[in-house]
């Protein structure tokens, strides 16, 4: 697969797609044809549909750019923790807080 570098002198619009493949397809079909748009497969989309989601987004975006000189940039943003560590720490702290074995009357 051929790769291209972004032009540092250009500004780009990165569009994050996080919900369903159906919605992502609709959004991509409505985007203007431009070499300054980057499609992002977000964490929720990838976790729901797997790596297939990235391929589908790239194919849809490439189809929109047919006949245009632009390269269909698609990036994947996959967070593996998604605040899991924060939740883990808060649960751990709760277990360390001593619970009184007596009650106030």
Protein backbone atom coordinates (compact mmCIF):
# COMPACT_ATOMS: atom_id res chain seq x y z
CA UNK A 1 0.00 0.00 0.00
CA UNK A 2 1.32 3.38 -0.97
CA UNK A 3 1.52 6.08 1.68
CA UNK A 4 1.67 9.83 1.39
CA UNK A 5 2.77 12.49 3.81
CA UNK A 6 0.60 15.40 4.78
CA UNK A 7 1.72 18.83 3.65
CA UNK A 8 2.76 20.76 6.77
CA UNK A 9 1.88 24.02 5.04
CA UNK A 10 -1.79 23.04 4.59
CA UNK A 11 -4.52 22.99 7.20
CA UNK A 12 -6.65 19.86 7.43
CA UNK A 13 -10.06 19.03 8.84
CA UNK A 14 -10.15 15.74 10.75
CA UNK A 15 -13.61 14.23 11.05
CA UNK A 16 -14.04 11.64 13.81
CA UNK A 17 -16.56 8.90 13.13
CA UNK A 18 -17.52 7.14 16.35
CA UNK A 19 -21.02 5.73 16.11
CA UNK A 20 -22.17 3.17 13.51
CA UNK A 21 -20.87 2.17 10.09
CA UNK A 22 -24.24 3.15 8.63
CA UNK A 23 -23.95 6.67 10.02
CA UNK A 24 -20.29 6.88 8.97
CA UNK A 25 -21.23 5.96 5.41
CA UNK A 26 -23.92 8.65 5.33
CA UNK A 27 -21.53 11.29 6.65
CA UNK A 28 -18.79 10.37 4.17
CA UNK A 29 -21.28 10.48 1.28
CA UNK A 30 -22.14 14.09 2.22
CA UNK A 31 -18.57 15.38 2.58
CA UNK A 32 -17.16 17.66 -0.08
CA UNK A 33 -14.41 16.20 -2.22
CA UNK A 34 -11.22 17.64 -0.75
CA UNK A 35 -7.60 16.69 -0.17
CA UNK A 36 -7.77 18.55 3.15
CA UNK A 37 -10.15 16.17 4.90
CA UNK A 38 -8.90 13.35 7.10
CA UNK A 39 -11.34 10.65 8.17
CA UNK A 40 -10.84 9.26 11.66
CA UNK A 41 -12.11 5.85 12.73
CA UNK A 42 -12.75 6.50 16.41
CA UNK A 43 -12.41 4.11 19.34
CA UNK A 44 -16.13 3.26 19.69
CA UNK A 45 -16.43 2.46 15.99
CA UNK A 46 -13.34 0.24 15.97
CA UNK A 47 -14.33 -1.54 19.18
CA UNK A 48 -17.78 -2.28 17.75
CA UNK A 49 -16.85 -3.27 14.18
CA UNK A 50 -13.17 -4.20 14.42
CA UNK A 51 -10.50 -3.44 11.87
CA UNK A 52 -13.08 -3.93 9.13
CA UNK A 53 -14.39 -0.47 10.04
CA UNK A 54 -11.11 1.15 9.02
CA UNK A 55 -11.11 -0.63 5.65
CA UNK A 56 -14.72 0.29 4.99
CA UNK A 57 -14.13 3.96 5.80
CA UNK A 58 -11.07 4.05 3.55
CA UNK A 59 -12.96 2.41 0.68
CA UNK A 60 -15.90 4.81 1.02
CA UNK A 61 -13.62 7.86 1.23
CA UNK A 62 -11.51 6.65 -1.72
CA UNK A 63 -14.70 6.17 -3.77
CA UNK A 64 -15.68 9.80 -3.03
CA UNK A 65 -12.27 10.97 -4.28
CA UNK A 66 -12.34 9.06 -7.59
CA UNK A 67 -11.15 11.39 -10.34
CA UNK A 68 -9.70 13.80 -7.78
CA UNK A 69 -5.97 14.16 -7.17
CA UNK A 70 -6.27 13.79 -3.39
CA UNK A 71 -5.20 10.83 -1.28
CA UNK A 72 -7.89 9.24 0.94
CA UNK A 73 -6.40 9.82 4.39
CA UNK A 74 -7.96 7.62 7.06
CA UNK A 75 -6.53 7.36 10.56
CA UNK A 76 -7.46 5.13 13.47
CA UNK A 77 -7.72 6.51 16.99
CA UNK A 78 -7.86 3.54 19.32
CA UNK A 79 -7.67 4.10 23.04
CA UNK A 80 -7.18 0.88 24.90
CA UNK A 81 -7.93 2.17 28.39
CA UNK A 82 -10.63 4.82 27.94
CA UNK A 83 -10.43 6.01 31.54
CA UNK A 84 -10.24 2.47 32.82
CA UNK A 85 -7.18 3.34 34.86
CA UNK A 86 -9.01 6.23 36.51
CA UNK A 87 -11.91 3.96 37.43
CA UNK A 88 -9.51 1.29 38.65
CA UNK A 89 -7.75 3.81 40.93
CA UNK A 90 -11.02 5.09 42.37
CA UNK A 91 -12.19 1.52 43.10
CA UNK A 92 -8.83 0.74 44.70
CA UNK A 93 -9.08 3.83 46.93
CA UNK A 94 -12.58 2.86 48.02
CA UNK A 95 -11.30 -0.48 49.25
CA UNK A 96 -8.59 1.24 51.29
CA UNK A 97 -10.93 3.58 53.14
CA UNK A 98 -11.60 1.97 56.53
CA UNK A 99 -15.24 1.29 57.15
CA UNK A 100 -16.32 1.88 60.76
CA UNK A 101 -17.66 -1.20 62.46
CA UNK A 102 -19.72 0.91 64.89
CA UNK A 103 -22.71 3.15 64.43
CA UNK A 104 -23.66 6.42 66.02
CA UNK A 105 -26.90 6.15 67.97
